[in-house]
Amino acid sequence: MSDLTFSQLVQSKPVRLEKSGKSICVARIGEEVFAIDDTCTHGQASLSDGDVTGFRIECWLHGAEFDLRTGEVLSLPATEAVKAYKVSVIADSVTIEI
């Protein structure tokens, strides 16, 4: 079952999705879709409220940056990665594996 559709996603505009009791940040970069945990590991803020530049998402609260492809931390003050999820896009259907 699809979590959302590709056409619902706007380039570089992250959205928050609730799935299996988790808050997930989903972002479209070009023709690819990425999904990571929505909560910043530094300040407990929603990453889907942050800004996307390339494959980076910046937490709006304290400026920590994460790689949308891997969840890895790219800048302080965060020191712990967020979980990245596998995403499948078939036709217009986007599915995130938890």
N, C-alpha and C. Protein backbone atom coordinates (compact mmCIF):
# COMPACT_ATOMS: atom_id res chain seq x y z
N MET A 1 0.84 -1.18 0.00
CA MET A 1 0.00 0.00 0.00
C MET A 1 0.89 1.25 0.00
N SER A 2 0.53 2.21 -0.81
CA SER A 2 1.28 3.45 -0.95
C SER A 2 1.10 4.34 0.28
N ASP A 3 2.19 4.99 0.70
CA ASP A 3 2.13 5.93 1.82
C ASP A 3 1.68 7.31 1.35
N LEU A 4 2.07 7.67 0.14
CA LEU A 4 1.68 8.92 -0.49
C LEU A 4 2.03 8.81 -1.96
N THR A 5 1.70 9.83 -2.72
CA THR A 5 2.01 9.78 -4.14
C THR A 5 3.17 10.72 -4.46
N PHE A 6 3.91 10.39 -5.50
CA PHE A 6 5.04 11.20 -5.93
C PHE A 6 4.57 12.61 -6.29
N SER A 7 3.41 12.69 -6.93
CA SER A 7 2.90 13.99 -7.35
C SER A 7 2.51 14.89 -6.16
N GLN A 8 2.33 14.31 -4.97
CA GLN A 8 2.04 15.11 -3.78
C GLN A 8 3.29 15.81 -3.25
N LEU A 9 4.46 15.33 -3.63
CA LEU A 9 5.71 15.86 -3.10
C LEU A 9 6.24 16.98 -4.00
N VAL A 10 6.57 18.10 -3.38
CA VAL A 10 7.12 19.25 -4.09
C VAL A 10 8.64 19.22 -3.91
N GLN A 11 9.36 19.46 -4.97
CA GLN A 11 10.82 19.47 -4.95
C GLN A 11 11.35 20.29 -3.77
N SER A 12 12.21 19.65 -2.93
CA SER A 12 12.91 20.29 -1.81
C SER A 12 11.99 20.86 -0.73
N LYS A 13 10.75 20.39 -0.67
CA LYS A 13 9.81 20.81 0.39
C LYS A 13 9.45 19.58 1.21
N PRO A 14 10.12 19.37 2.34
CA PRO A 14 9.86 18.17 3.13
C PRO A 14 8.45 18.15 3.71
N VAL A 15 7.94 16.93 3.91
CA VAL A 15 6.64 16.74 4.54
C VAL A 15 6.78 15.73 5.67
N ARG A 16 5.89 15.84 6.63
CA ARG A 16 5.86 14.91 7.75
C ARG A 16 4.79 13.86 7.48
N LEU A 17 5.15 12.60 7.75
CA LEU A 17 4.25 11.47 7.55
C LEU A 17 4.27 10.62 8.80
N GLU A 18 3.10 10.23 9.27
CA GLU A 18 3.01 9.32 10.42
C GLU A 18 2.83 7.91 9.88
N LYS A 19 3.71 6.99 10.31
CA LYS A 19 3.61 5.61 9.86
C LYS A 19 4.09 4.68 10.97
N SER A 20 3.29 3.70 11.29
CA SER A 20 3.63 2.70 12.31
C SER A 20 4.07 3.35 13.62
N GLY A 21 3.40 4.44 13.99
CA GLY A 21 3.71 5.12 15.24
C GLY A 21 4.96 5.98 15.20
N LYS A 22 5.52 6.18 14.02
CA LYS A 22 6.73 6.99 13.87
C LYS A 22 6.43 8.23 13.04
N SER A 23 7.14 9.31 13.35
CA SER A 23 7.08 10.52 12.53
C SER A 23 8.24 10.46 11.55
N ILE A 24 7.92 10.53 10.26
CA ILE A 24 8.90 10.40 9.20
C ILE A 24 8.94 11.70 8.39
N CYS A 25 10.15 12.15 8.07
CA CYS A 25 10.36 13.30 7.20
C CYS A 25 10.63 12.76 5.80
N VAL A 26 9.81 13.17 4.84
CA VAL A 26 9.92 12.70 3.46
C VAL A 26 10.24 13.89 2.57
N ALA A 27 11.23 13.72 1.69
CA ALA A 27 11.63 14.81 0.81
C ALA A 27 11.92 14.29 -0.59
N ARG A 28 11.50 15.06 -1.57
CA ARG A 28 11.78 14.75 -2.98
C ARG A 28 12.93 15.63 -3.46
N ILE A 29 13.94 14.97 -4.02
CA ILE A 29 15.08 15.67 -4.61
C ILE A 29 15.17 15.15 -6.04
N GLY A 30 14.84 15.99 -6.99
CA GLY A 30 14.80 15.55 -8.39
C GLY A 30 13.74 14.46 -8.55
N GLU A 31 14.14 13.34 -9.09
CA GLU A 31 13.21 12.22 -9.28
C GLU A 31 13.32 11.18 -8.17
N GLU A 32 14.08 11.49 -7.10
CA GLU A 32 14.26 10.57 -5.99
C GLU A 32 13.50 11.05 -4.76
N VAL A 33 13.12 10.09 -3.91
CA VAL A 33 12.42 10.41 -2.67
C VAL A 33 13.20 9.77 -1.53
N PHE A 34 13.37 10.53 -0.45
CA PHE A 34 14.12 10.07 0.71
C PHE A 34 13.25 10.19 1.96
N ALA A 35 13.52 9.31 2.94
CA ALA A 35 12.76 9.33 4.19
C ALA A 35 13.72 9.09 5.36
N ILE A 36 13.61 9.96 6.37
CA ILE A 36 14.40 9.84 7.59
C ILE A 36 13.47 10.10 8.78
N ASP A 37 13.94 9.73 9.99
CA ASP A 37 13.18 10.09 11.18
C ASP A 37 12.98 11.60 11.18
N ASP A 38 11.81 12.04 11.62
CA ASP A 38 11.47 13.46 11.57
C ASP A 38 12.04 14.26 12.73
N THR A 39 12.49 13.61 13.79
CA THR A 39 12.92 14.33 14.99
C THR A 39 14.43 14.51 15.02
N CYS A 40 14.87 15.76 15.11
CA CYS A 40 16.30 16.07 15.22
C CYS A 40 16.85 15.43 16.49
N THR A 41 18.02 14.82 16.39
CA THR A 41 18.62 14.15 17.54
C THR A 41 19.24 15.14 18.52
N HIS A 42 19.34 16.40 18.16
CA HIS A 42 19.90 17.39 19.08
C HIS A 42 18.82 18.11 19.88
N GLY A 43 17.83 18.67 19.19
CA GLY A 43 16.88 19.53 19.87
C GLY A 43 15.45 19.06 19.88
N GLN A 44 15.22 17.82 19.45
CA GLN A 44 13.87 17.26 19.44
C GLN A 44 12.88 18.10 18.65
N ALA A 45 13.35 18.69 17.56
CA ALA A 45 12.50 19.50 16.69
C ALA A 45 12.16 18.71 15.44
N SER A 46 11.07 19.09 14.78
CA SER A 46 10.63 18.42 13.56
C SER A 46 11.51 18.83 12.38
N LEU A 47 12.19 17.85 11.77
CA LEU A 47 13.04 18.15 10.62
C LEU A 47 12.23 18.55 9.39
N SER A 48 10.99 18.09 9.31
CA SER A 48 10.17 18.43 8.14
C SER A 48 9.83 19.92 8.10
N ASP A 49 10.10 20.64 9.19
CA ASP A 49 9.93 22.09 9.21
C ASP A 49 11.20 22.82 8.77
N GLY A 50 12.25 22.05 8.46
CA GLY A 50 13.53 22.63 8.09
C GLY A 50 13.66 22.91 6.61
N ASP A 51 14.83 23.40 6.23
CA ASP A 51 15.13 23.74 4.84
C ASP A 51 15.99 22.66 4.19
N VAL A 52 15.72 22.39 2.92
CA VAL A 52 16.48 21.41 2.14
C VAL A 52 17.33 22.14 1.12
N THR A 53 18.62 21.77 1.08
CA THR A 53 19.55 22.25 0.08
C THR A 53 20.31 21.04 -0.44
N GLY A 54 20.12 20.73 -1.70
CA GLY A 54 20.74 19.51 -2.23
C GLY A 54 20.19 18.31 -1.48
N PHE A 55 21.09 17.49 -0.94
CA PHE A 55 20.67 16.32 -0.16
C PHE A 55 20.74 16.57 1.34
N ARG A 56 20.85 17.84 1.73
CA ARG A 56 20.94 18.22 3.15
C ARG A 56 19.61 18.78 3.63
N ILE A 57 19.27 18.42 4.88
CA ILE A 57 18.14 19.07 5.53
C ILE A 57 18.65 19.71 6.80
N GLU A 58 18.27 20.96 7.01
CA GLU A 58 18.72 21.72 8.17
C GLU A 58 17.59 21.84 9.17
N CYS A 59 17.86 21.48 10.42
CA CYS A 59 16.88 21.64 11.49
C CYS A 59 16.66 23.12 11.73
N TRP A 60 15.41 23.53 11.76
CA TRP A 60 15.06 24.93 11.93
C TRP A 60 15.42 25.48 13.31
N LEU A 61 15.56 24.59 14.32
CA LEU A 61 15.73 25.05 15.69
C LEU A 61 17.16 25.52 16.00
N HIS A 62 18.15 24.66 15.71
CA HIS A 62 19.53 25.01 16.03
C HIS A 62 20.50 24.88 14.86
N GLY A 63 20.00 24.54 13.67
CA GLY A 63 20.85 24.53 12.48
C GLY A 63 21.61 23.25 12.21
N ALA A 64 21.39 22.19 12.97
CA ALA A 64 22.06 20.91 12.68
C ALA A 64 21.61 20.43 11.31
N GLU A 65 22.52 19.82 10.56
CA GLU A 65 22.19 19.33 9.23
C GLU A 65 22.38 17.82 9.15
N PHE A 66 21.52 17.19 8.35
CA PHE A 66 21.55 15.74 8.16
C PHE A 66 21.49 15.43 6.66
N ASP A 67 22.10 14.30 6.28
CA ASP A 67 22.06 13.83 4.90
C ASP A 67 20.75 13.07 4.70
N LEU A 68 19.93 13.51 3.77
CA LEU A 68 18.64 12.85 3.52
C LEU A 68 18.82 11.43 2.99
N ARG A 69 19.95 11.14 2.36
CA ARG A 69 20.18 9.81 1.79
C ARG A 69 20.54 8.78 2.85
N THR A 70 21.25 9.21 3.91
CA THR A 70 21.78 8.25 4.89
C THR A 70 21.35 8.53 6.32
N GLY A 71 20.90 9.75 6.61
CA GLY A 71 20.57 10.14 7.97
C GLY A 71 21.77 10.63 8.76
N GLU A 72 22.96 10.58 8.16
CA GLU A 72 24.17 10.97 8.88
C GLU A 72 24.17 12.46 9.21
N VAL A 73 24.81 12.78 10.34
CA VAL A 73 24.97 14.16 10.77
C VAL A 73 26.00 14.83 9.89
N LEU A 74 25.69 16.04 9.42
CA LEU A 74 26.62 16.80 8.59
C LEU A 74 27.16 18.03 9.29
N SER A 75 26.50 18.46 10.38
CA SER A 75 27.01 19.62 11.12
C SER A 75 26.50 19.60 12.55
N LEU A 76 27.27 20.26 13.41
CA LEU A 76 26.88 20.42 14.80
C LEU A 76 25.72 21.39 14.89
N PRO A 77 24.94 21.40 15.92
CA PRO A 77 25.22 20.80 17.22
C PRO A 77 24.82 19.33 17.34
N ALA A 78 24.15 18.75 16.37
CA ALA A 78 23.80 17.33 16.46
C ALA A 78 25.06 16.48 16.35
N THR A 79 25.08 15.37 17.06
CA THR A 79 26.20 14.44 16.98
C THR A 79 25.74 13.02 16.67
N GLU A 80 24.44 12.80 16.69
CA GLU A 80 23.87 11.48 16.45
C GLU A 80 23.01 11.49 15.19
N ALA A 81 23.20 10.49 14.34
CA ALA A 81 22.44 10.38 13.09
C ALA A 81 20.97 10.09 13.37
N VAL A 82 20.14 10.34 12.37
CA VAL A 82 18.75 9.92 12.40
C VAL A 82 18.63 8.69 11.50
N LYS A 83 17.62 7.89 11.74
CA LYS A 83 17.41 6.68 10.94
C LYS A 83 16.91 7.04 9.55
N ALA A 84 17.48 6.40 8.54
CA ALA A 84 17.03 6.56 7.16
C ALA A 84 16.23 5.31 6.78
N TYR A 85 15.21 5.49 5.97
CA TYR A 85 14.33 4.39 5.57
C TYR A 85 14.41 4.16 4.07
N LYS A 86 14.22 2.91 3.66
CA LYS A 86 14.19 2.58 2.25
C LYS A 86 12.88 3.07 1.65
N VAL A 87 12.98 3.70 0.48
CA VAL A 87 11.81 4.25 -0.20
C VAL A 87 11.71 3.61 -1.58
N SER A 88 10.51 3.20 -1.95
CA SER A 88 10.25 2.67 -3.28
C SER A 88 9.27 3.59 -3.99
N VAL A 89 9.58 3.92 -5.25
CA VAL A 89 8.67 4.72 -6.06
C VAL A 89 8.33 3.90 -7.29
N ILE A 90 7.06 3.55 -7.42
CA ILE A 90 6.57 2.80 -8.58
C ILE A 90 5.41 3.58 -9.16
N ALA A 91 5.61 4.01 -10.41
CA ALA A 91 4.63 4.90 -11.06
C ALA A 91 4.50 6.14 -10.18
N ASP A 92 3.32 6.42 -9.63
CA ASP A 92 3.12 7.60 -8.79
C ASP A 92 3.07 7.24 -7.30
N SER A 93 3.25 5.95 -6.98
CA SER A 93 3.12 5.49 -5.60
C SER A 93 4.46 5.49 -4.87
N VAL A 94 4.48 6.08 -3.69
CA VAL A 94 5.67 6.13 -2.84
C VAL A 94 5.40 5.26 -1.60
N THR A 95 6.29 4.29 -1.36
CA THR A 95 6.17 3.41 -0.20
C THR A 95 7.43 3.49 0.62
N ILE A 96 7.27 3.65 1.93
CA ILE A 96 8.40 3.73 2.86
C ILE A 96 8.40 2.47 3.71
N GLU A 97 9.54 1.80 3.75
CA GLU A 97 9.68 0.58 4.55
C GLU A 97 10.18 0.93 5.93
N ILE A 98 9.38 0.60 6.94
CA ILE A 98 9.74 0.86 8.34
C ILE A 98 10.41 -0.37 8.92
